[in-house]
């Protein structure tokens, strides 16, 4: 168990060192470091599932089951029910049009503020370097 703990600690310290090498957390976020790490890990994991080398038993059984899925007959919704749903959606959109516009305006204002703060922090960080 201690070996696992040491291994995990070493991996975490390596991540911290890499983030520090990039210039800190803000720089890592701006460089999308975390996103790229997550994408790389997800890609490796997906490859393990498809290759059958995943350490998790359930993913291997899932990939086996995926090959054994029987063909399923599709059931279509009658046109009358489809039209009812389209009409309800149009009524909902009409009823909430003003509220939707106000909400979108609020979100745009918030995003503009976040963008201004982000640019300000980015300029300050660059001037420190």
Protein backbone atom coordinates (compact mmCIF):
# COMPACT_ATOMS: atom_id res chain seq x y z
CA UNK A 1 0.00 0.00 0.00
CA UNK A 2 2.87 2.37 0.79
CA UNK A 3 4.26 1.80 -2.71
CA UNK A 4 0.94 2.88 -4.22
CA UNK A 5 0.87 5.98 -2.00
CA UNK A 6 4.41 6.90 -3.03
CA UNK A 7 3.56 6.36 -6.67
CA UNK A 8 0.48 8.59 -6.45
CA UNK A 9 2.41 11.27 -4.54
CA UNK A 10 5.17 11.21 -7.14
CA UNK A 11 2.66 11.57 -9.97
CA UNK A 12 0.96 14.49 -8.22
CA UNK A 13 4.29 16.22 -7.59
CA UNK A 14 5.19 15.75 -11.27
CA UNK A 15 1.93 17.47 -12.25
CA UNK A 16 2.62 20.33 -9.84
CA UNK A 17 6.14 20.74 -11.25
CA UNK A 18 4.80 20.79 -14.81
CA UNK A 19 2.20 23.44 -13.91
CA UNK A 20 4.92 25.48 -12.21
CA UNK A 21 7.16 25.09 -15.28
CA UNK A 22 4.34 26.53 -17.39
CA UNK A 23 4.22 29.63 -15.20
CA UNK A 24 1.64 28.71 -12.58
CA UNK A 25 -2.01 27.80 -12.55
CA UNK A 26 -3.25 30.78 -14.60
CA UNK A 27 -0.70 30.14 -17.32
CA UNK A 28 -1.58 26.44 -17.36
CA UNK A 29 -5.29 27.27 -17.67
CA UNK A 30 -4.62 29.74 -20.49
CA UNK A 31 -2.48 27.13 -22.26
CA UNK A 32 -5.30 24.60 -21.72
CA UNK A 33 -2.87 22.26 -20.01
CA UNK A 34 -5.48 20.51 -17.87
CA UNK A 35 -7.83 20.05 -20.82
CA UNK A 36 -5.10 18.50 -22.96
CA UNK A 37 -4.08 16.18 -20.10
CA UNK A 38 -7.67 15.02 -19.66
CA UNK A 39 -8.09 14.50 -23.40
CA UNK A 40 -4.85 12.50 -23.60
CA UNK A 41 -5.85 10.31 -20.64
CA UNK A 42 -9.31 9.74 -22.10
CA UNK A 43 -7.81 8.79 -25.45
CA UNK A 44 -5.39 6.31 -23.82
CA UNK A 45 -8.22 4.82 -21.78
CA UNK A 46 -10.47 4.47 -24.83
CA UNK A 47 -7.67 2.73 -26.72
CA UNK A 48 -7.23 0.30 -23.81
CA UNK A 49 -10.94 -0.48 -23.88
CA UNK A 50 -10.95 -1.17 -27.61
CA UNK A 51 -7.71 -3.14 -27.46
CA UNK A 52 -9.00 -5.22 -24.55
CA UNK A 53 -6.05 -4.16 -22.37
CA UNK A 54 -8.05 -2.05 -19.92
CA UNK A 55 -7.25 -2.86 -16.29
CA UNK A 56 -10.96 -2.57 -15.44
CA UNK A 57 -12.91 -5.77 -15.90
CA UNK A 58 -16.22 -4.02 -16.59
CA UNK A 59 -14.81 -2.13 -19.57
CA UNK A 60 -13.57 -5.36 -21.10
CA UNK A 61 -16.96 -7.00 -20.63
CA UNK A 62 -18.58 -3.87 -22.04
CA UNK A 63 -16.48 -4.06 -25.19
CA UNK A 64 -17.37 -7.76 -25.55
CA UNK A 65 -21.07 -7.00 -25.07
CA UNK A 66 -20.83 -4.18 -27.59
CA UNK A 67 -20.00 -6.76 -30.27
CA UNK A 68 -22.95 -8.95 -29.21
CA UNK A 69 -25.70 -6.30 -29.32
CA UNK A 70 -28.72 -7.66 -31.17
CA UNK A 71 -30.43 -5.59 -33.81
CA UNK A 72 -33.36 -3.64 -32.41
CA UNK A 73 -36.46 -2.71 -34.35
CA UNK A 74 -37.14 1.03 -34.21
CA UNK A 75 -40.55 2.33 -33.31
CA UNK A 76 -41.65 5.57 -34.92
CA UNK A 77 -43.74 8.19 -33.16
CA UNK A 78 -46.99 8.91 -34.99
CA UNK A 79 -47.05 12.20 -36.93
CA UNK A 80 -49.89 13.54 -34.79
CA UNK A 81 -47.78 13.16 -31.61
CA UNK A 82 -44.76 14.69 -33.37
CA UNK A 83 -46.82 17.73 -34.37
CA UNK A 84 -48.20 18.04 -30.83
CA UNK A 85 -44.64 18.26 -29.48
CA UNK A 86 -43.63 20.81 -32.14
CA UNK A 87 -46.67 22.93 -31.25
CA UNK A 88 -45.93 22.74 -27.51
CA UNK A 89 -42.33 23.79 -28.13
CA UNK A 90 -43.43 26.78 -30.24
CA UNK A 91 -45.90 27.82 -27.51
CA UNK A 92 -43.16 27.51 -24.85
CA UNK A 93 -40.73 29.61 -26.89
CA UNK A 94 -43.36 32.31 -27.48
CA UNK A 95 -44.35 32.37 -23.80
CA UNK A 96 -40.73 32.68 -22.60
CA UNK A 97 -39.26 34.86 -25.35
CA UNK A 98 -38.81 37.96 -23.14
CA UNK A 99 -37.36 35.95 -20.26
CA UNK A 100 -34.96 34.18 -22.65
CA UNK A 101 -33.73 37.49 -24.07
CA UNK A 102 -33.13 38.93 -20.58
CA UNK A 103 -31.30 35.77 -19.50
CA UNK A 104 -29.09 35.79 -22.60
CA UNK A 105 -28.31 39.48 -22.07
CA UNK A 106 -27.32 38.75 -18.47
CA UNK A 107 -25.07 35.90 -19.58
CA UNK A 108 -23.41 38.08 -22.22
CA UNK A 109 -22.76 40.77 -19.62
CA UNK A 110 -21.28 38.20 -17.26
CA UNK A 111 -19.07 36.73 -20.00
CA UNK A 112 -17.83 40.20 -20.94
CA UNK A 113 -16.89 40.87 -17.32
CA UNK A 114 -15.11 37.51 -17.06
CA UNK A 115 -13.25 38.27 -20.31
CA UNK A 116 -12.14 41.67 -19.03
CA UNK A 117 -10.90 40.19 -15.74
CA UNK A 118 -9.12 37.38 -17.59
CA UNK A 119 -7.34 39.81 -19.93
CA UNK A 120 -6.37 41.99 -16.98
CA UNK A 121 -4.90 39.02 -15.07
CA UNK A 122 -3.13 37.83 -18.19
CA UNK A 123 -1.48 41.24 -18.72
CA UNK A 124 -0.40 41.40 -15.08
CA UNK A 125 1.08 37.89 -15.25
CA UNK A 126 2.99 38.71 -18.44
CA UNK A 127 4.40 41.88 -16.92
CA UNK A 128 5.64 39.89 -13.90
CA UNK A 129 7.58 37.46 -16.11
